[in-house]
């Protein structure tokens, strides 16, 4: 069983301490996965607009979260 599967099971726990801890862990995992896929998209030449559309957020929101003048914003092909 994967860690994500274990966390998904814990989310439905009747014990709020277990469920909330699992939600926090899933949130962290989700943020890491999003960052990884945004990096992947930028490396493949995707525009901020394309990434925003795929994430169903505004271009400004995705650029603010992931652009930030760092390495990702400089990776253009």
PDB file of N, CA and C in Angstrom:
ATOM      1  N   UNK A   1       0.849  -1.176   0.000  1.00  0.00           N
ATOM      2  CA  UNK A   1       0.000   0.000   0.000  1.00  0.00           C
ATOM      3  C   UNK A   1       0.900   1.246   0.000  1.00  0.00           C
ATOM      4  N   UNK A   2       0.588   2.210  -0.853  1.00  0.00           N
ATOM      5  CA  UNK A   2       1.404   3.419  -0.935  1.00  0.00           C
ATOM      6  C   UNK A   2       1.095   4.371   0.213  1.00  0.00           C
ATOM      7  N   UNK A   3       2.013   5.295   0.426  1.00  0.00           N
ATOM      8  CA  UNK A   3       1.811   6.299   1.479  1.00  0.00           C
ATOM      9  C   UNK A   3       0.557   7.125   1.205  1.00  0.00           C
ATOM     10  N   UNK A   4       0.339   7.484  -0.061  1.00  0.00           N
ATOM     11  CA  UNK A   4      -0.849   8.267  -0.413  1.00  0.00           C
ATOM     12  C   UNK A   4      -2.129   7.489  -0.113  1.00  0.00           C
ATOM     13  N   UNK A   5      -2.118   6.184  -0.373  1.00  0.00           N
ATOM     14  CA  UNK A   5      -3.285   5.351  -0.082  1.00  0.00           C
ATOM     15  C   UNK A   5      -3.542   5.292   1.415  1.00  0.00           C
ATOM     16  N   UNK A   6      -2.478   5.150   2.187  1.00  0.00           N
ATOM     17  CA  UNK A   6      -2.612   5.130   3.647  1.00  0.00           C
ATOM     18  C   UNK A   6      -3.191   6.446   4.154  1.00  0.00           C
ATOM     19  N   UNK A   7      -2.686   7.558   3.607  1.00  0.00           N
ATOM     20  CA  UNK A   7      -3.191   8.869   4.026  1.00  0.00           C
ATOM     21  C   UNK A   7      -4.663   9.029   3.650  1.00  0.00           C
ATOM     22  N   UNK A   8      -5.025   8.572   2.458  1.00  0.00           N
ATOM     23  CA  UNK A   8      -6.420   8.678   2.017  1.00  0.00           C
ATOM     24  C   UNK A   8      -7.344   7.914   2.956  1.00  0.00           C
ATOM     25  N   UNK A   9      -6.898   6.778   3.430  1.00  0.00           N
ATOM     26  CA  UNK A   9      -7.705   6.008   4.381  1.00  0.00           C
ATOM     27  C   UNK A   9      -7.835   6.743   5.711  1.00  0.00           C
ATOM     28  N   UNK A  10      -6.753   7.357   6.161  1.00  0.00           N
ATOM     29  CA  UNK A  10      -6.764   8.059   7.445  1.00  0.00           C
ATOM     30  C   UNK A  10      -7.658   9.304   7.414  1.00  0.00           C
ATOM     31  N   UNK A  11      -7.842   9.886   6.240  1.00  0.00           N
ATOM     32  CA  UNK A  11      -8.675  11.080   6.121  1.00  0.00           C
ATOM     33  C   UNK A  11     -10.098  10.803   6.587  1.00  0.00           C
ATOM     34  N   UNK A  12     -10.567   9.584   6.403  1.00  0.00           N
ATOM     35  CA  UNK A  12     -11.941   9.256   6.783  1.00  0.00           C
ATOM     36  C   UNK A  12     -12.060   8.735   8.218  1.00  0.00           C
ATOM     37  N   UNK A  13     -10.981   8.852   8.980  1.00  0.00           N
ATOM     38  CA  UNK A  13     -10.992   8.393  10.368  1.00  0.00           C
ATOM     39  C   UNK A  13     -12.033   9.158  11.189  1.00  0.00           C
ATOM     40  N   UNK A  14     -12.632   8.461  12.119  1.00  0.00           N
ATOM     41  CA  UNK A  14     -13.574   9.107  13.054  1.00  0.00           C
ATOM     42  C   UNK A  14     -12.826   9.960  14.086  1.00  0.00           C
ATOM     43  N   UNK A  15     -11.538   9.713  14.239  1.00  0.00           N
ATOM     44  CA  UNK A  15     -10.710  10.473  15.172  1.00  0.00           C
ATOM     45  C   UNK A  15     -10.221  11.739  14.469  1.00  0.00           C
ATOM     46  N   UNK A  16     -10.685  12.915  14.911  1.00  0.00           N
ATOM     47  CA  UNK A  16     -10.284  14.155  14.247  1.00  0.00           C
ATOM     48  C   UNK A  16      -8.768  14.365  14.224  1.00  0.00           C
ATOM     49  N   UNK A  17      -8.055  13.937  15.252  1.00  0.00           N
ATOM     50  CA  UNK A  17      -6.602  14.118  15.275  1.00  0.00           C
ATOM     51  C   UNK A  17      -5.954  13.349  14.130  1.00  0.00           C
ATOM     52  N   UNK A  18      -6.423  12.139  13.871  1.00  0.00           N
ATOM     53  CA  UNK A  18      -5.891  11.319  12.780  1.00  0.00           C
ATOM     54  C   UNK A  18      -6.295  11.910  11.434  1.00  0.00           C
ATOM     55  N   UNK A  19      -7.567  12.245  11.293  1.00  0.00           N
ATOM     56  CA  UNK A  19      -8.074  12.789  10.034  1.00  0.00           C
ATOM     57  C   UNK A  19      -7.428  14.109   9.649  1.00  0.00           C
ATOM     58  N   UNK A  20      -7.304  15.018  10.598  1.00  0.00           N
ATOM     59  CA  UNK A  20      -6.724  16.325  10.301  1.00  0.00           C
ATOM     60  C   UNK A  20      -5.236  16.236   9.994  1.00  0.00           C
ATOM     61  N   UNK A  21      -4.537  15.344  10.692  1.00  0.00           N
ATOM     62  CA  UNK A  21      -3.117  15.150  10.386  1.00  0.00           C
ATOM     63  C   UNK A  21      -2.959  14.604   8.968  1.00  0.00           C
ATOM     64  N   UNK A  22      -3.839  13.692   8.575  1.00  0.00           N
ATOM     65  CA  UNK A  22      -3.803  13.142   7.223  1.00  0.00           C
ATOM     66  C   UNK A  22      -4.100  14.221   6.187  1.00  0.00           C
ATOM     67  N   UNK A  23      -5.050  15.080   6.463  1.00  0.00           N
ATOM     68  CA  UNK A  23      -5.365  16.182   5.544  1.00  0.00           C
ATOM     69  C   UNK A  23      -4.152  17.093   5.367  1.00  0.00           C
ATOM     70  N   UNK A  24      -3.480  17.421   6.455  1.00  0.00           N
ATOM     71  CA  UNK A  24      -2.282  18.264   6.375  1.00  0.00           C
ATOM     72  C   UNK A  24      -1.192  17.588   5.553  1.00  0.00           C
ATOM     73  N   UNK A  25      -1.006  16.297   5.749  1.00  0.00           N
ATOM     74  CA  UNK A  25       0.002  15.560   4.990  1.00  0.00           C
ATOM     75  C   UNK A  25      -0.348  15.503   3.508  1.00  0.00           C
ATOM     76  N   UNK A  26      -1.618  15.300   3.200  1.00  0.00           N
ATOM     77  CA  UNK A  26      -2.058  15.288   1.802  1.00  0.00           C
ATOM     78  C   UNK A  26      -1.871  16.658   1.158  1.00  0.00           C
ATOM     79  N   UNK A  27      -2.118  17.721   1.912  1.00  0.00           N
ATOM     80  CA  UNK A  27      -1.917  19.073   1.393  1.00  0.00           C
ATOM     81  C   UNK A  27      -0.454  19.290   1.015  1.00  0.00           C
ATOM     82  N   UNK A  28       0.454  18.843   1.866  1.00  0.00           N
ATOM     83  CA  UNK A  28       1.885  18.954   1.583  1.00  0.00           C
ATOM     84  C   UNK A  28       2.255  18.159   0.340  1.00  0.00           C
ATOM     85  N   UNK A  29       1.742  16.946   0.237  1.00  0.00           N
ATOM     86  CA  UNK A  29       2.003  16.112  -0.931  1.00  0.00           C
ATOM     87  C   UNK A  29       1.469  16.763  -2.195  1.00  0.00           C
ATOM     88  N   UNK A  30       0.268  17.296  -2.132  1.00  0.00           N
ATOM     89  CA  UNK A  30      -0.337  17.964  -3.284  1.00  0.00           C
ATOM     90  C   UNK A  30       0.493  19.161  -3.742  1.00  0.00           C
ATOM     91  N   UNK A  31       0.979  19.951  -2.812  1.00  0.00           N
ATOM     92  CA  UNK A  31       1.807  21.111  -3.160  1.00  0.00           C
ATOM     93  C   UNK A  31       3.096  20.679  -3.857  1.00  0.00           C
ATOM     94  N   UNK A  32       3.701  19.616  -3.360  1.00  0.00           N
ATOM     95  CA  UNK A  32       4.930  19.110  -3.984  1.00  0.00           C
ATOM     96  C   UNK A  32       4.662  18.602  -5.400  1.00  0.00           C
ATOM     97  N   UNK A  33       3.559  17.873  -5.558  1.00  0.00           N
ATOM     98  CA  UNK A  33       3.213  17.355  -6.881  1.00  0.00           C
ATOM     99  C   UNK A  33       2.914  18.486  -7.859  1.00  0.00           C
ATOM    100  N   UNK A  34       2.213  19.510  -7.394  1.00  0.00           N
ATOM    101  CA  UNK A  34       1.914  20.648  -8.260  1.00  0.00           C
ATOM    102  C   UNK A  34       3.202  21.341  -8.691  1.00  0.00           C
ATOM    103  N   UNK A  35       4.094  21.578  -7.760  1.00  0.00           N
ATOM    104  CA  UNK A  35       5.371  22.226  -8.078  1.00  0.00           C
ATOM    105  C   UNK A  35       6.152  21.399  -9.104  1.00  0.00           C
ATOM    106  N   UNK A  36       6.179  20.093  -8.899  1.00  0.00           N
ATOM    107  CA  UNK A  36       6.876  19.199  -9.820  1.00  0.00           C
ATOM    108  C   UNK A  36       6.287  19.282 -11.231  1.00  0.00           C
ATOM    109  N   UNK A  37       4.964  19.281 -11.328  1.00  0.00           N
ATOM    110  CA  UNK A  37       4.337  19.309 -12.645  1.00  0.00           C
ATOM    111  C   UNK A  37       4.434  20.686 -13.306  1.00  0.00           C
ATOM    112  N   UNK A  38       4.431  21.743 -12.522  1.00  0.00           N
ATOM    113  CA  UNK A  38       4.636  23.081 -13.095  1.00  0.00           C
ATOM    114  C   UNK A  38       6.060  23.178 -13.647  1.00  0.00           C
ATOM    115  N   UNK A  39       7.036  22.672 -12.902  1.00  0.00           N
ATOM    116  CA  UNK A  39       8.417  22.661 -13.400  1.00  0.00           C
ATOM    117  C   UNK A  39       8.502  21.864 -14.698  1.00  0.00           C
ATOM    118  N   UNK A  40       7.856  20.714 -14.725  1.00  0.00           N
ATOM    119  CA  UNK A  40       7.838  19.876 -15.912  1.00  0.00           C
ATOM    120  C   UNK A  40       7.233  20.630 -17.103  1.00  0.00           C
ATOM    121  N   UNK A  41       6.114  21.280 -16.871  1.00  0.00           N
ATOM    122  CA  UNK A  41       5.445  22.026 -17.940  1.00  0.00           C
ATOM    123  C   UNK A  41       6.329  23.165 -18.457  1.00  0.00           C
ATOM    124  N   UNK A  42       6.942  23.912 -17.550  1.00  0.00           N
ATOM    125  CA  UNK A  42       7.805  25.024 -17.963  1.00  0.00           C
ATOM    126  C   UNK A  42       9.014  24.508 -18.748  1.00  0.00           C
ATOM    127  N   UNK A  43       9.583  23.400 -18.310  1.00  0.00           N
ATOM    128  CA  UNK A  43      10.721  22.821 -19.022  1.00  0.00           C
ATOM    129  C   UNK A  43      10.338  22.395 -20.440  1.00  0.00           C
ATOM    130  N   UNK A  44       9.074  22.049 -20.624  1.00  0.00           N
ATOM    131  CA  UNK A  44       8.593  21.639 -21.943  1.00  0.00           C
ATOM    132  C   UNK A  44       8.046  22.816 -22.750  1.00  0.00           C
ATOM    133  N   UNK A  45       8.231  24.012 -22.233  1.00  0.00           N
ATOM    134  CA  UNK A  45       7.866  25.203 -22.976  1.00  0.00           C
ATOM    135  C   UNK A  45       6.443  25.692 -22.800  1.00  0.00           C
ATOM    136  N   UNK A  46       5.721  25.161 -21.841  1.00  0.00           N
ATOM    137  CA  UNK A  46       4.354  25.627 -21.614  1.00  0.00           C
ATOM    138  C   UNK A  46       4.364  27.066 -21.119  1.00  0.00           C
ATOM    139  N   UNK A  47       3.379  27.816 -21.535  1.00  0.00           N
ATOM    140  CA  UNK A  47       3.214  29.185 -21.042  1.00  0.00           C
ATOM    141  C   UNK A  47       2.513  29.152 -19.687  1.00  0.00           C
ATOM    142  N   UNK A  48       2.603  30.281 -18.985  1.00  0.00           N
ATOM    143  CA  UNK A  48       1.889  30.386 -17.720  1.00  0.00           C
ATOM    144  C   UNK A  48       0.389  30.256 -17.954  1.00  0.00           C
ATOM    145  N   UNK A  49      -0.095  30.744 -19.081  1.00  0.00           N
ATOM    146  CA  UNK A  49      -1.519  30.654 -19.398  1.00  0.00           C
ATOM    147  C   UNK A  49      -1.950  29.192 -19.563  1.00  0.00           C
ATOM    148  N   UNK A  50      -1.134  28.387 -20.237  1.00  0.00           N
ATOM    149  CA  UNK A  50      -1.462  26.972 -20.407  1.00  0.00           C
ATOM    150  C   UNK A  50      -1.488  26.238 -19.066  1.00  0.00           C
ATOM    151  N   UNK A  51      -0.517  26.536 -18.224  1.00  0.00           N
ATOM    152  CA  UNK A  51      -0.464  25.906 -16.908  1.00  0.00           C
ATOM    153  C   UNK A  51      -1.676  26.322 -16.087  1.00  0.00           C
ATOM    154  N   UNK A  52      -2.001  27.600 -16.116  1.00  0.00           N
ATOM    155  CA  UNK A  52      -3.156  28.103 -15.375  1.00  0.00           C
ATOM    156  C   UNK A  52      -4.436  27.417 -15.824  1.00  0.00           C
ATOM    157  N   UNK A  53      -4.604  27.261 -17.123  1.00  0.00           N
ATOM    158  CA  UNK A  53      -5.812  26.608 -17.653  1.00  0.00           C
ATOM    159  C   UNK A  53      -5.889  25.162 -17.173  1.00  0.00           C
ATOM    160  N   UNK A  54      -4.762  24.459 -17.181  1.00  0.00           N
ATOM    161  CA  UNK A  54      -4.738  23.062 -16.740  1.00  0.00           C
ATOM    162  C   UNK A  54      -5.067  22.933 -15.253  1.00  0.00           C
ATOM    163  N   UNK A  55      -4.653  23.928 -14.463  1.00  0.00           N
ATOM    164  CA  UNK A  55      -4.922  23.926 -13.025  1.00  0.00           C
ATOM    165  C   UNK A  55      -6.248  24.589 -12.670  1.00  0.00           C
ATOM    166  N   UNK A  56      -6.909  25.162 -13.667  1.00  0.00           N
ATOM    167  CA  UNK A  56      -8.187  25.859 -13.479  1.00  0.00           C
ATOM    168  C   UNK A  56      -8.061  27.025 -12.499  1.00  0.00           C
ATOM    169  N   UNK A  57      -6.986  27.802 -12.696  1.00  0.00           N
ATOM    170  CA  UNK A  57      -6.765  29.025 -11.917  1.00  0.00           C
ATOM    171  C   UNK A  57      -6.371  30.136 -12.892  1.00  0.00           C
ATOM    172  N   UNK A  58      -6.253  31.350 -12.402  1.00  0.00           N
ATOM    173  CA  UNK A  58      -5.851  32.447 -13.274  1.00  0.00           C
ATOM    174  C   UNK A  58      -4.353  32.399 -13.555  1.00  0.00           C
ATOM    175  N   UNK A  59      -3.970  33.007 -14.661  1.00  0.00           N
ATOM    176  CA  UNK A  59      -2.552  33.103 -15.014  1.00  0.00           C
ATOM    177  C   UNK A  59      -1.788  33.824 -13.903  1.00  0.00           C
ATOM    178  N   UNK A  60      -2.389  34.861 -13.374  1.00  0.00           N
ATOM    179  CA  UNK A  60      -1.741  35.638 -12.320  1.00  0.00           C
ATOM    180  C   UNK A  60      -1.516  34.790 -11.066  1.00  0.00           C
ATOM    181  N   UNK A  61      -2.498  33.956 -10.730  1.00  0.00           N
ATOM    182  CA  UNK A  61      -2.386  33.125  -9.527  1.00  0.00           C
ATOM    183  C   UNK A  61      -1.252  32.114  -9.660  1.00  0.00           C
ATOM    184  N   UNK A  62      -1.186  31.454 -10.814  1.00  0.00           N
ATOM    185  CA  UNK A  62      -0.144  30.433 -10.988  1.00  0.00           C
ATOM    186  C   UNK A  62       1.238  31.081 -11.095  1.00  0.00           C
ATOM    187  N   UNK A  63       1.315  32.237 -11.726  1.00  0.00           N
ATOM    188  CA  UNK A  63       2.602  32.914 -11.842  1.00  0.00           C
ATOM    189  C   UNK A  63       3.061  33.425 -10.479  1.00  0.00           C
ATOM    190  N   UNK A  64       2.133  33.949  -9.702  1.00  0.00           N
ATOM    191  CA  UNK A  64       2.480  34.441  -8.361  1.00  0.00           C
ATOM    192  C   UNK A  64       2.979  33.295  -7.481  1.00  0.00           C
ATOM    193  N   UNK A  65       2.325  32.145  -7.577  1.00  0.00           N
ATOM    194  CA  UNK A  65       2.679  31.011  -6.739  1.00  0.00           C
ATOM    195  C   UNK A  65       3.977  30.342  -7.184  1.00  0.00           C
ATOM    196  N   UNK A  66       4.170  30.225  -8.500  1.00  0.00           N
ATOM    197  CA  UNK A  66       5.292  29.436  -8.995  1.00  0.00           C
ATOM    198  C   UNK A  66       6.341  30.242  -9.761  1.00  0.00           C
ATOM    199  N   UNK A  67       5.996  31.446 -10.197  1.00  0.00           N
ATOM    200  CA  UNK A  67       6.933  32.237 -10.992  1.00  0.00           C
ATOM    201  C   UNK A  67       7.950  32.926 -10.129  1.00  0.00           C
ATOM    202  N   UNK A  68       7.513  33.871  -9.391  1.00  0.00           N
ATOM    203  CA  UNK A  68       8.292  34.549  -8.384  1.00  0.00           C
ATOM    204  C   UNK A  68       9.691  35.008  -8.731  1.00  0.00           C
ATOM    205  N   UNK A  69      10.023  35.137 -10.011  1.00  0.00           N
ATOM    206  CA  UNK A  69      11.346  35.601 -10.368  1.00  0.00           C
ATOM    207  C   UNK A  69      12.442  34.576 -10.146  1.00  0.00           C
ATOM    208  N   UNK A  70      12.050  33.352  -9.759  1.00  0.00           N
ATOM    209  CA  UNK A  70      13.035  32.306  -9.522  1.00  0.00           C
ATOM    210  C   UNK A  70      13.380  31.550 -10.784  1.00  0.00           C
ATOM    211  N   UNK A  71      13.901  30.386 -10.593  1.00  0.00           N
ATOM    212  CA  UNK A  71      14.371  29.555 -11.689  1.00  0.00           C
ATOM    213  C   UNK A  71      13.266  29.240 -12.694  1.00  0.00           C
ATOM    214  N   UNK A  72      12.067  28.978 -12.217  1.00  0.00           N
ATOM    215  CA  UNK A  72      10.986  28.607 -13.130  1.00  0.00           C
ATOM    216  C   UNK A  72      10.665  29.705 -14.130  1.00  0.00           C
ATOM    217  N   UNK A  73      10.678  30.936 -13.685  1.00  0.00           N
ATOM    218  CA  UNK A  73      10.323  32.031 -14.602  1.00  0.00           C
ATOM    219  C   UNK A  73      11.379  32.257 -15.662  1.00  0.00           C
ATOM    220  N   UNK A  74      12.596  31.752 -15.442  1.00  0.00           N
ATOM    221  CA  UNK A  74      13.669  31.932 -16.416  1.00  0.00           C
ATOM    222  C   UNK A  74      13.761  30.770 -17.400  1.00  0.00           C
ATOM    223  N   UNK A  75      13.036  29.696 -17.160  1.00  0.00           N
ATOM    224  CA  UNK A  75      13.103  28.525 -18.030  1.00  0.00           C
ATOM    225  C   UNK A  75      12.153  28.687 -19.195  1.00  0.00           C
ATOM    226  N   UNK A  76      12.644  29.243 -20.233  1.00  0.00           N
ATOM    227  CA  UNK A  76      11.838  29.426 -21.448  1.00  0.00           C
ATOM    228  C   UNK A  76      12.565  28.853 -22.620  1.00  0.00           C
ATOM    229  N   UNK A  77      11.835  28.162 -23.482  1.00  0.00           N
ATOM    230  CA  UNK A  77      12.440  27.602 -24.698  1.00  0.00           C
ATOM    231  C   UNK A  77      11.978  28.392 -25.902  1.00  0.00           C
TER     232      UNK A  77
END
